[in-house]
Amino acid sequence: MNGSDDQRDSTTASSAASPTVSAAISPTFRFMLSHPAHIVAQGFGSGLSPIMPGTAGTLFGWLVYVELTSLWPEVFTPAVWGALIVAGFALGVAACRRTGTALGVADHGSMVWDEVIAFWLVLLFIGSGGWRAQLTGFVLFRFFDMVKPPPIRHFDQNLKGGFGVMWDDIVAAFYALLAMALLRVMFP
């Protein structure tokens, strides 16, 4: 995304505007339901959180991952999660492009599908590390997604459209995984 949750676009333009206008609008539940791409891009409503939508989207992704893996472990294997992440990334590129265009902001703060997919990647690589490892991954991912150390900030500022929205969070996920690996080496 484009910075910390509190730095995201907080435009107050009329939400009654058409979802296809180019001027920035504030998304509403009604806007989200106006197109399937908006539902996906806005994390099935988690991105509409008035407080820290990126964190809300990451929490939503965490909940979905844990629930599906717990309920159907024979279905939601690491290979299936890998395929879902790849497909979810591609879907996110299209959904975020369309939703960003409709909102008038390429990387609107309510678009949190990038957090969902990137955090699924973190959880996939953590594997069966338990809730402490997942919590550590969550904190590290949110840290890198908000702080955006190089080259994340470069990607966030220079890659446009749906791909740019999705890519910087994938890089933040890799930073979180690298930090976790370093922590495991330093504190076995």
N, C-alpha and C. Protein backbone atom coordinates (compact mmCIF):
# COMPACT_ATOMS: atom_id res chain seq x y z
N MET A 1 0.84 -1.17 0.00
CA MET A 1 0.00 0.00 0.00
C MET A 1 0.89 1.24 0.00
N ASN A 2 0.33 2.38 0.23
CA ASN A 2 1.09 3.60 0.10
C ASN A 2 1.41 4.24 1.44
N GLY A 3 1.97 3.49 2.34
CA GLY A 3 2.38 4.04 3.62
C GLY A 3 1.57 3.45 4.75
N SER A 4 1.77 4.00 5.93
CA SER A 4 1.07 3.48 7.09
C SER A 4 -0.42 3.73 6.96
N ASP A 5 -1.18 2.97 7.75
CA ASP A 5 -2.63 3.08 7.69
C ASP A 5 -3.09 4.52 7.88
N ASP A 6 -2.45 5.25 8.80
CA ASP A 6 -2.91 6.60 9.04
C ASP A 6 -2.47 7.57 7.96
N GLN A 7 -1.62 7.13 7.02
CA GLN A 7 -1.20 7.99 5.92
C GLN A 7 -2.04 7.75 4.68
N ARG A 8 -2.94 6.77 4.74
CA ARG A 8 -3.72 6.42 3.56
C ARG A 8 -4.71 7.53 3.23
N ASP A 9 -5.22 7.47 2.01
CA ASP A 9 -6.17 8.46 1.55
C ASP A 9 -7.39 8.48 2.45
N SER A 10 -7.75 9.63 2.92
CA SER A 10 -8.94 9.76 3.75
C SER A 10 -9.86 10.82 3.16
N THR A 11 -10.02 10.76 1.86
CA THR A 11 -10.83 11.75 1.16
C THR A 11 -12.24 11.77 1.71
N THR A 12 -12.85 12.93 1.70
CA THR A 12 -14.20 13.06 2.22
C THR A 12 -15.19 13.44 1.12
N ALA A 13 -14.82 13.18 -0.11
CA ALA A 13 -15.73 13.48 -1.22
C ALA A 13 -17.00 12.65 -1.06
N SER A 14 -18.04 13.08 -1.68
CA SER A 14 -19.33 12.42 -1.56
C SER A 14 -19.27 10.96 -1.98
N SER A 15 -19.76 10.09 -1.11
CA SER A 15 -19.78 8.67 -1.45
C SER A 15 -20.97 8.34 -2.33
N ALA A 16 -21.82 9.31 -2.58
CA ALA A 16 -22.95 9.06 -3.46
C ALA A 16 -22.56 9.15 -4.92
N ALA A 17 -21.32 9.54 -5.19
CA ALA A 17 -20.86 9.65 -6.57
C ALA A 17 -20.86 8.28 -7.23
N SER A 18 -20.96 8.29 -8.53
CA SER A 18 -20.93 7.04 -9.29
C SER A 18 -19.62 6.31 -9.06
N PRO A 19 -19.65 4.96 -8.94
CA PRO A 19 -18.41 4.22 -8.71
C PRO A 19 -17.44 4.28 -9.88
N THR A 20 -17.80 4.89 -10.98
CA THR A 20 -16.90 4.95 -12.12
C THR A 20 -16.31 6.34 -12.33
N VAL A 21 -16.56 7.27 -11.43
CA VAL A 21 -16.01 8.61 -11.59
C VAL A 21 -14.52 8.59 -11.34
N SER A 22 -13.81 9.56 -11.91
CA SER A 22 -12.36 9.60 -11.74
C SER A 22 -11.95 10.42 -10.53
N ALA A 23 -12.82 11.29 -10.00
CA ALA A 23 -12.49 12.05 -8.80
C ALA A 23 -12.53 11.11 -7.60
N ALA A 24 -11.65 11.35 -6.63
CA ALA A 24 -11.58 10.48 -5.46
C ALA A 24 -12.89 10.50 -4.69
N ILE A 25 -13.34 9.32 -4.29
CA ILE A 25 -14.55 9.21 -3.48
C ILE A 25 -14.23 8.35 -2.26
N SER A 26 -15.06 8.49 -1.24
CA SER A 26 -14.92 7.64 -0.06
C SER A 26 -15.74 6.38 -0.29
N PRO A 27 -15.13 5.23 -0.15
CA PRO A 27 -15.87 4.00 -0.39
C PRO A 27 -16.86 3.72 0.75
N THR A 28 -17.96 3.16 0.37
CA THR A 28 -18.99 2.75 1.33
C THR A 28 -19.28 1.27 1.10
N PHE A 29 -20.07 0.70 1.99
CA PHE A 29 -20.48 -0.68 1.82
C PHE A 29 -21.24 -0.84 0.50
N ARG A 30 -22.06 0.14 0.18
CA ARG A 30 -22.82 0.11 -1.08
C ARG A 30 -21.88 0.14 -2.28
N PHE A 31 -20.85 1.00 -2.22
CA PHE A 31 -19.86 1.04 -3.30
C PHE A 31 -19.21 -0.32 -3.45
N MET A 32 -18.79 -0.91 -2.34
CA MET A 32 -18.11 -2.21 -2.39
C MET A 32 -18.99 -3.25 -3.09
N LEU A 33 -20.28 -3.25 -2.78
CA LEU A 33 -21.18 -4.25 -3.36
C LEU A 33 -21.54 -3.95 -4.81
N SER A 34 -21.15 -2.79 -5.33
CA SER A 34 -21.53 -2.40 -6.69
C SER A 34 -20.77 -3.17 -7.77
N HIS A 35 -19.68 -3.86 -7.41
CA HIS A 35 -18.93 -4.63 -8.40
C HIS A 35 -18.12 -5.70 -7.69
N PRO A 36 -18.07 -6.92 -8.24
CA PRO A 36 -17.28 -7.99 -7.60
C PRO A 36 -15.81 -7.61 -7.38
N ALA A 37 -15.24 -6.81 -8.28
CA ALA A 37 -13.84 -6.40 -8.11
C ALA A 37 -13.66 -5.57 -6.84
N HIS A 38 -14.65 -4.75 -6.51
CA HIS A 38 -14.56 -3.93 -5.30
C HIS A 38 -14.62 -4.81 -4.05
N ILE A 39 -15.45 -5.85 -4.09
CA ILE A 39 -15.56 -6.77 -2.96
C ILE A 39 -14.20 -7.41 -2.69
N VAL A 40 -13.56 -7.88 -3.75
CA VAL A 40 -12.24 -8.51 -3.61
C VAL A 40 -11.21 -7.48 -3.15
N ALA A 41 -11.09 -6.38 -3.87
CA ALA A 41 -10.06 -5.37 -3.57
C ALA A 41 -10.19 -4.85 -2.14
N GLN A 42 -11.42 -4.74 -1.67
CA GLN A 42 -11.64 -4.21 -0.32
C GLN A 42 -11.73 -5.32 0.73
N GLY A 43 -11.16 -6.47 0.40
CA GLY A 43 -11.04 -7.54 1.38
C GLY A 43 -12.35 -7.99 1.98
N PHE A 44 -13.38 -8.10 1.14
CA PHE A 44 -14.70 -8.54 1.58
C PHE A 44 -15.23 -7.67 2.72
N GLY A 45 -14.89 -6.40 2.67
CA GLY A 45 -15.38 -5.43 3.65
C GLY A 45 -14.37 -5.04 4.71
N SER A 46 -13.33 -5.82 4.89
CA SER A 46 -12.35 -5.50 5.94
C SER A 46 -11.63 -4.18 5.66
N GLY A 47 -11.51 -3.82 4.40
CA GLY A 47 -10.86 -2.56 4.04
C GLY A 47 -11.71 -1.34 4.32
N LEU A 48 -12.97 -1.54 4.67
CA LEU A 48 -13.84 -0.42 5.00
C LEU A 48 -13.71 -0.01 6.47
N SER A 49 -12.85 -0.70 7.21
CA SER A 49 -12.62 -0.35 8.61
C SER A 49 -12.19 1.12 8.70
N PRO A 50 -12.82 1.89 9.59
CA PRO A 50 -12.42 3.29 9.72
C PRO A 50 -11.08 3.46 10.43
N ILE A 51 -10.61 2.41 11.09
CA ILE A 51 -9.35 2.46 11.82
C ILE A 51 -8.40 1.42 11.23
N MET A 52 -7.27 1.86 10.74
CA MET A 52 -6.21 0.99 10.23
C MET A 52 -6.74 -0.10 9.29
N PRO A 53 -7.26 0.28 8.13
CA PRO A 53 -7.81 -0.72 7.22
C PRO A 53 -6.80 -1.76 6.76
N GLY A 54 -5.53 -1.39 6.60
CA GLY A 54 -4.52 -2.37 6.20
C GLY A 54 -4.33 -3.44 7.25
N THR A 55 -4.35 -3.04 8.50
CA THR A 55 -4.24 -4.01 9.59
C THR A 55 -5.51 -4.86 9.65
N ALA A 56 -6.67 -4.24 9.45
CA ALA A 56 -7.92 -5.00 9.44
C ALA A 56 -7.91 -6.03 8.31
N GLY A 57 -7.41 -5.64 7.14
CA GLY A 57 -7.32 -6.58 6.02
C GLY A 57 -6.37 -7.72 6.31
N THR A 58 -5.25 -7.42 6.96
CA THR A 58 -4.28 -8.46 7.32
C THR A 58 -4.90 -9.42 8.33
N LEU A 59 -5.62 -8.88 9.30
CA LEU A 59 -6.30 -9.74 10.29
C LEU A 59 -7.35 -10.62 9.61
N PHE A 60 -8.08 -10.06 8.65
CA PHE A 60 -9.05 -10.85 7.89
C PHE A 60 -8.34 -11.99 7.16
N GLY A 61 -7.23 -11.69 6.50
CA GLY A 61 -6.48 -12.72 5.79
C GLY A 61 -5.99 -13.80 6.73
N TRP A 62 -5.52 -13.40 7.90
CA TRP A 62 -5.04 -14.34 8.92
C TRP A 62 -6.17 -15.27 9.35
N LEU A 63 -7.34 -14.68 9.64
CA LEU A 63 -8.50 -15.47 10.06
C LEU A 63 -8.90 -16.48 8.99
N VAL A 64 -8.98 -16.05 7.75
CA VAL A 64 -9.36 -16.94 6.66
C VAL A 64 -8.37 -18.08 6.53
N TYR A 65 -7.08 -17.77 6.55
CA TYR A 65 -6.04 -18.79 6.41
C TYR A 65 -6.13 -19.82 7.52
N VAL A 66 -6.21 -19.35 8.76
CA VAL A 66 -6.24 -20.26 9.91
C VAL A 66 -7.51 -21.11 9.89
N GLU A 67 -8.65 -20.49 9.62
CA GLU A 67 -9.91 -21.23 9.62
C GLU A 67 -9.95 -22.30 8.53
N LEU A 68 -9.59 -21.93 7.31
CA LEU A 68 -9.63 -22.90 6.21
C LEU A 68 -8.63 -24.03 6.43
N THR A 69 -7.44 -23.69 6.92
CA THR A 69 -6.42 -24.71 7.16
C THR A 69 -6.84 -25.63 8.31
N SER A 70 -7.50 -25.07 9.32
CA SER A 70 -7.95 -25.88 10.46
C SER A 70 -9.14 -26.76 10.11
N LEU A 71 -10.09 -26.21 9.36
CA LEU A 71 -11.30 -26.96 9.03
C LEU A 71 -11.07 -28.04 7.99
N TRP A 72 -10.24 -27.75 7.00
CA TRP A 72 -10.02 -28.69 5.90
C TRP A 72 -8.53 -28.83 5.60
N PRO A 73 -7.75 -29.40 6.53
CA PRO A 73 -6.30 -29.50 6.30
C PRO A 73 -5.93 -30.39 5.12
N GLU A 74 -6.78 -31.35 4.81
CA GLU A 74 -6.49 -32.22 3.67
C GLU A 74 -6.73 -31.51 2.34
N VAL A 75 -7.51 -30.45 2.35
CA VAL A 75 -7.77 -29.67 1.14
C VAL A 75 -6.79 -28.50 1.04
N PHE A 76 -6.65 -27.75 2.13
CA PHE A 76 -5.81 -26.54 2.11
C PHE A 76 -4.39 -26.88 2.52
N THR A 77 -3.72 -27.58 1.62
CA THR A 77 -2.33 -27.99 1.80
C THR A 77 -1.42 -26.83 1.37
N PRO A 78 -0.13 -26.92 1.68
CA PRO A 78 0.79 -25.86 1.21
C PRO A 78 0.74 -25.67 -0.31
N ALA A 79 0.61 -26.74 -1.07
CA ALA A 79 0.54 -26.60 -2.53
C ALA A 79 -0.72 -25.84 -2.96
N VAL A 80 -1.83 -26.13 -2.31
CA VAL A 80 -3.08 -25.43 -2.63
C VAL A 80 -2.96 -23.96 -2.24
N TRP A 81 -2.39 -23.69 -1.06
CA TRP A 81 -2.20 -22.29 -0.66
C TRP A 81 -1.29 -21.56 -1.63
N GLY A 82 -0.25 -22.23 -2.10
CA GLY A 82 0.63 -21.61 -3.10
C GLY A 82 -0.14 -21.23 -4.35
N ALA A 83 -0.99 -22.14 -4.82
CA ALA A 83 -1.80 -21.86 -6.01
C ALA A 83 -2.79 -20.74 -5.74
N LEU A 84 -3.40 -20.73 -4.55
CA LEU A 84 -4.34 -19.67 -4.20
C LEU A 84 -3.65 -18.30 -4.14
N ILE A 85 -2.43 -18.29 -3.65
CA ILE A 85 -1.68 -17.03 -3.57
C ILE A 85 -1.37 -16.50 -4.96
N VAL A 86 -0.93 -17.38 -5.85
CA VAL A 86 -0.64 -16.96 -7.23
C VAL A 86 -1.92 -16.47 -7.91
N ALA A 87 -3.01 -17.24 -7.79
CA ALA A 87 -4.28 -16.84 -8.39
C ALA A 87 -4.81 -15.57 -7.74
N GLY A 88 -4.68 -15.49 -6.41
CA GLY A 88 -5.14 -14.30 -5.69
C GLY A 88 -4.37 -13.06 -6.06
N PHE A 89 -3.08 -13.22 -6.34
CA PHE A 89 -2.27 -12.09 -6.79
C PHE A 89 -2.79 -11.59 -8.14
N ALA A 90 -3.00 -12.52 -9.08
CA ALA A 90 -3.49 -12.14 -10.41
C ALA A 90 -4.87 -11.49 -10.30
N LEU A 91 -5.75 -12.08 -9.51
CA LEU A 91 -7.08 -11.51 -9.30
C LEU A 91 -6.96 -10.12 -8.68
N GLY A 92 -6.05 -9.97 -7.73
CA GLY A 92 -5.85 -8.69 -7.05
C GLY A 92 -5.36 -7.60 -7.98
N VAL A 93 -4.50 -7.96 -8.92
CA VAL A 93 -4.02 -6.97 -9.90
C VAL A 93 -5.22 -6.37 -10.64
N ALA A 94 -6.11 -7.23 -11.12
CA ALA A 94 -7.28 -6.76 -11.87
C ALA A 94 -8.26 -6.02 -10.96
N ALA A 95 -8.55 -6.59 -9.80
CA ALA A 95 -9.54 -5.99 -8.89
C ALA A 95 -9.06 -4.65 -8.36
N CYS A 96 -7.80 -4.55 -8.00
CA CYS A 96 -7.27 -3.29 -7.46
C CYS A 96 -7.17 -2.22 -8.55
N ARG A 97 -6.85 -2.64 -9.77
CA ARG A 97 -6.81 -1.67 -10.87
C ARG A 97 -8.20 -1.07 -11.07
N ARG A 98 -9.21 -1.94 -11.16
CA ARG A 98 -10.57 -1.47 -11.40
C ARG A 98 -11.09 -0.62 -10.23
N THR A 99 -10.86 -1.08 -9.03
CA THR A 99 -11.36 -0.36 -7.85
C THR A 99 -10.63 0.96 -7.66
N GLY A 100 -9.31 0.96 -7.87
CA GLY A 100 -8.56 2.21 -7.77
C GLY A 100 -9.03 3.24 -8.78
N THR A 101 -9.33 2.78 -9.99
CA THR A 101 -9.85 3.68 -11.02
C THR A 101 -11.20 4.24 -10.60
N ALA A 102 -12.07 3.36 -10.09
CA ALA A 102 -13.40 3.80 -9.67
C ALA A 102 -13.34 4.77 -8.49
N LEU A 103 -12.37 4.58 -7.61
CA LEU A 103 -12.24 5.45 -6.44
C LEU A 103 -11.47 6.74 -6.75
N GLY A 104 -10.77 6.75 -7.88
CA GLY A 104 -9.99 7.93 -8.24
C GLY A 104 -8.64 8.00 -7.53
N VAL A 105 -8.24 6.92 -6.87
CA VAL A 105 -6.96 6.83 -6.17
C VAL A 105 -6.38 5.45 -6.48
N ALA A 106 -5.23 5.42 -7.14
CA ALA A 106 -4.67 4.15 -7.61
C ALA A 106 -4.46 3.14 -6.48
N ASP A 107 -4.07 3.60 -5.30
CA ASP A 107 -3.80 2.70 -4.17
C ASP A 107 -4.56 3.21 -2.96
N HIS A 108 -5.87 3.20 -3.06
CA HIS A 108 -6.73 3.70 -1.99
C HIS A 108 -6.57 2.83 -0.74
N GLY A 109 -6.58 3.45 0.42
CA GLY A 109 -6.39 2.74 1.68
C GLY A 109 -7.40 1.64 1.94
N SER A 110 -8.57 1.72 1.35
CA SER A 110 -9.58 0.68 1.57
C SER A 110 -9.29 -0.60 0.78
N MET A 111 -8.37 -0.52 -0.16
CA MET A 111 -8.02 -1.71 -0.96
C MET A 111 -6.97 -2.51 -0.18
N VAL A 112 -7.41 -3.62 0.39
CA VAL A 112 -6.54 -4.40 1.29
C VAL A 112 -6.29 -5.82 0.80
N TRP A 113 -6.74 -6.14 -0.40
CA TRP A 113 -6.50 -7.49 -0.92
C TRP A 113 -5.00 -7.78 -1.00
N ASP A 114 -4.21 -6.75 -1.24
CA ASP A 114 -2.75 -6.93 -1.28
C ASP A 114 -2.22 -7.40 0.07
N GLU A 115 -2.76 -6.87 1.17
CA GLU A 115 -2.36 -7.34 2.49
C GLU A 115 -2.78 -8.79 2.71
N VAL A 116 -3.98 -9.13 2.28
CA VAL A 116 -4.49 -10.50 2.46
C VAL A 116 -3.55 -11.49 1.77
N ILE A 117 -3.28 -11.26 0.50
CA ILE A 117 -2.45 -12.20 -0.27
C ILE A 117 -1.02 -12.23 0.25
N ALA A 118 -0.45 -11.08 0.55
CA ALA A 118 0.93 -11.04 1.04
C ALA A 118 1.05 -11.74 2.39
N PHE A 119 0.06 -11.56 3.26
CA PHE A 119 0.14 -12.23 4.56
C PHE A 119 -0.09 -13.73 4.42
N TRP A 120 -0.91 -14.15 3.47
CA TRP A 120 -1.02 -15.59 3.20
C TRP A 120 0.35 -16.15 2.83
N LEU A 121 1.13 -15.39 2.07
CA LEU A 121 2.48 -15.83 1.71
C LEU A 121 3.34 -16.00 2.96
N VAL A 122 3.26 -15.04 3.87
CA VAL A 122 4.00 -15.15 5.13
C VAL A 122 3.57 -16.41 5.88
N LEU A 123 2.26 -16.61 6.01
CA LEU A 123 1.75 -17.77 6.74
C LEU A 123 2.14 -19.08 6.07
N LEU A 124 2.15 -19.10 4.75
CA LEU A 124 2.55 -20.31 4.02
C LEU A 124 3.98 -20.69 4.38
N PHE A 125 4.88 -19.73 4.41
CA PHE A 125 6.28 -20.04 4.70
C PHE A 125 6.53 -20.30 6.19
N ILE A 126 5.70 -19.74 7.05
CA ILE A 126 5.82 -20.05 8.48
C ILE A 126 5.45 -21.50 8.73
N GLY A 127 4.49 -21.99 7.95
CA GLY A 127 4.06 -23.38 8.10
C GLY A 127 3.38 -23.61 9.43
N SER A 128 3.72 -24.68 10.07
CA SER A 128 3.08 -25.05 11.33
C SER A 128 3.87 -24.50 12.51
N GLY A 129 4.30 -23.28 12.42
CA GLY A 129 5.11 -22.66 13.47
C GLY A 129 4.33 -22.29 14.71
N GLY A 130 3.02 -22.40 14.69
CA GLY A 130 2.21 -22.06 15.85
C GLY A 130 1.83 -20.60 15.89
N TRP A 131 1.01 -20.27 16.89
CA TRP A 131 0.45 -18.92 16.96
C TRP A 131 1.51 -17.86 17.25
N ARG A 132 2.56 -18.21 18.00
CA ARG A 132 3.60 -17.21 18.27
C ARG A 132 4.35 -16.83 16.99
N ALA A 133 4.64 -17.82 16.18
CA ALA A 133 5.31 -17.54 14.90
C ALA A 133 4.39 -16.72 14.00
N GLN A 134 3.09 -17.06 14.00
CA GLN A 134 2.14 -16.30 13.19
C GLN A 134 2.03 -14.86 13.68
N LEU A 135 2.00 -14.67 14.99
CA LEU A 135 1.92 -13.32 15.55
C LEU A 135 3.18 -12.53 15.21
N THR A 136 4.33 -13.17 15.31
CA THR A 136 5.59 -12.51 14.93
C THR A 136 5.55 -12.13 13.45
N GLY A 137 5.08 -13.04 12.61
CA GLY A 137 4.95 -12.75 11.18
C GLY A 137 4.01 -11.59 10.92
N PHE A 138 2.90 -11.55 11.66
CA PHE A 138 1.93 -10.47 11.53
C PHE A 138 2.57 -9.12 11.87
N VAL A 139 3.24 -9.06 13.02
CA VAL A 139 3.86 -7.81 13.46
C VAL A 139 4.93 -7.36 12.48
N LEU A 140 5.78 -8.29 12.05
CA LEU A 140 6.85 -7.93 11.12
C LEU A 140 6.29 -7.51 9.76
N PHE A 141 5.29 -8.23 9.27
CA PHE A 141 4.69 -7.86 7.98
C PHE A 141 4.08 -6.46 8.05
N ARG A 142 3.30 -6.20 9.10
CA ARG A 142 2.69 -4.87 9.21
C ARG A 142 3.77 -3.79 9.34
N PHE A 143 4.84 -4.08 10.08
CA PHE A 143 5.93 -3.12 10.22
C PHE A 143 6.52 -2.77 8.85
N PHE A 144 6.89 -3.79 8.09
CA PHE A 144 7.52 -3.52 6.79
C PHE A 144 6.54 -2.92 5.80
N ASP A 145 5.26 -3.29 5.89
CA ASP A 145 4.27 -2.71 4.99
C ASP A 145 4.04 -1.23 5.30
N MET A 146 4.12 -0.86 6.57
CA MET A 146 3.90 0.54 6.94
C MET A 146 5.16 1.40 6.76
N VAL A 147 6.31 0.89 7.17
CA VAL A 147 7.55 1.67 7.12
C VAL A 147 8.09 1.76 5.69
N LYS A 148 7.95 0.70 4.94
CA LYS A 148 8.37 0.63 3.54
C LYS A 148 9.85 0.97 3.34
N PRO A 149 10.75 0.16 3.90
CA PRO A 149 12.17 0.38 3.63
C PRO A 149 12.48 0.10 2.17
N PRO A 150 13.61 0.60 1.65
CA PRO A 150 13.96 0.34 0.26
C PRO A 150 14.08 -1.17 0.01
N PRO A 151 13.65 -1.64 -1.10
CA PRO A 151 13.05 -0.97 -2.26
C PRO A 151 11.53 -0.92 -2.21
N ILE A 152 10.91 -1.27 -1.07
CA ILE A 152 9.45 -1.29 -1.01
C ILE A 152 8.88 0.08 -1.35
N ARG A 153 9.42 1.12 -0.75
CA ARG A 153 8.92 2.48 -1.01
C ARG A 153 9.05 2.83 -2.50
N HIS A 154 10.16 2.43 -3.10
CA HIS A 154 10.36 2.69 -4.54
C HIS A 154 9.25 2.03 -5.35
N PHE A 155 8.97 0.76 -5.07
CA PHE A 155 7.91 0.06 -5.79
C PHE A 155 6.56 0.73 -5.53
N ASP A 156 6.30 1.09 -4.29
CA ASP A 156 5.04 1.71 -3.93
C ASP A 156 4.83 3.02 -4.69
N GLN A 157 5.89 3.79 -4.86
CA GLN A 157 5.77 5.09 -5.50
C GLN A 157 5.86 5.04 -7.02
N ASN A 158 6.51 4.02 -7.57
CA ASN A 158 6.79 4.02 -9.00
C ASN A 158 6.05 2.97 -9.82
N LEU A 159 5.59 1.91 -9.21
CA LEU A 159 4.80 0.92 -9.95
C LEU A 159 3.34 1.32 -9.86
N LYS A 160 2.72 1.47 -10.98
CA LYS A 160 1.34 1.96 -11.02
C LYS A 160 0.36 0.84 -11.30
N GLY A 161 -0.90 1.14 -11.05
CA GLY A 161 -1.97 0.20 -11.36
C GLY A 161 -2.05 -0.95 -10.36
N GLY A 162 -2.82 -1.94 -10.71
CA GLY A 162 -3.04 -3.08 -9.84
C GLY A 162 -1.79 -3.84 -9.48
N PHE A 163 -0.86 -3.96 -10.44
CA PHE A 163 0.38 -4.68 -10.15
C PHE A 163 1.18 -3.95 -9.07
N GLY A 164 1.27 -2.65 -9.17
CA GLY A 164 1.99 -1.87 -8.16
C GLY A 164 1.36 -1.98 -6.78
N VAL A 165 0.03 -1.98 -6.74
CA VAL A 165 -0.68 -2.13 -5.46
C VAL A 165 -0.30 -3.45 -4.81
N MET A 166 -0.28 -4.52 -5.61
CA MET A 166 -0.02 -5.86 -5.07
C MET A 166 1.46 -6.09 -4.77
N TRP A 167 2.35 -5.61 -5.63
CA TRP A 167 3.77 -5.99 -5.56
C TRP A 167 4.48 -5.49 -4.30
N ASP A 168 4.25 -4.26 -3.89
CA ASP A 168 5.00 -3.76 -2.73
C ASP A 168 4.68 -4.55 -1.47
N ASP A 169 3.48 -5.09 -1.37
CA ASP A 169 3.13 -5.91 -0.20
C ASP A 169 3.79 -7.28 -0.27
N ILE A 170 3.97 -7.80 -1.47
CA ILE A 170 4.69 -9.07 -1.61
C ILE A 170 6.13 -8.89 -1.15
N VAL A 171 6.74 -7.77 -1.52
CA VAL A 171 8.12 -7.49 -1.08
C VAL A 171 8.15 -7.33 0.44
N ALA A 172 7.15 -6.67 1.02
CA ALA A 172 7.08 -6.53 2.48
C ALA A 172 6.96 -7.90 3.14
N ALA A 173 6.23 -8.82 2.51
CA ALA A 173 6.12 -10.19 3.04
C ALA A 173 7.47 -10.87 3.05
N PHE A 174 8.25 -10.71 1.98
CA PHE A 174 9.58 -11.31 1.93
C PHE A 174 10.50 -10.69 2.99
N TYR A 175 10.39 -9.39 3.23
CA TYR A 175 11.16 -8.75 4.30
C TYR A 175 10.79 -9.37 5.65
N ALA A 176 9.50 -9.56 5.89
CA ALA A 176 9.05 -10.15 7.15
C ALA A 176 9.60 -11.56 7.31
N LEU A 177 9.58 -12.34 6.24
CA LEU A 177 10.11 -13.71 6.29
C LEU A 177 11.62 -13.71 6.52
N LEU A 178 12.32 -12.79 5.88
CA LEU A 178 13.76 -12.68 6.09
C LEU A 178 14.07 -12.31 7.54
N ALA A 179 13.32 -11.36 8.08
CA ALA A 179 13.51 -10.96 9.47
C ALA A 179 13.23 -12.12 10.42
N MET A 180 12.21 -12.91 10.12
CA MET A 180 11.90 -14.08 10.96
C MET A 180 13.03 -15.09 10.90
N ALA A 181 13.57 -15.31 9.71
CA ALA A 181 14.69 -16.25 9.58
C ALA A 181 15.90 -15.76 10.38
N LEU A 182 16.18 -14.47 10.32
CA LEU A 182 17.29 -13.90 11.09
C LEU A 182 17.04 -14.05 12.59
N LEU A 183 15.81 -13.83 13.03
CA LEU A 183 15.48 -14.00 14.44
C LEU A 183 15.69 -15.44 14.89
N ARG A 184 15.33 -16.39 14.04
CA ARG A 184 15.52 -17.80 14.39
C ARG A 184 16.99 -18.17 14.50
N VAL A 185 17.82 -17.56 13.67
CA VAL A 185 19.26 -17.82 13.73
C VAL A 185 19.85 -17.17 14.98
N MET A 186 19.44 -15.95 15.26
CA MET A 186 19.99 -15.21 16.39
C MET A 186 19.48 -15.74 17.74
N PHE A 187 18.24 -16.22 17.76
CA PHE A 187 17.63 -16.72 19.00
C PHE A 187 17.03 -18.10 18.76
N PRO A 188 17.89 -19.13 18.64
CA PRO A 188 17.39 -20.48 18.29
C PRO A 188 16.45 -21.09 19.30
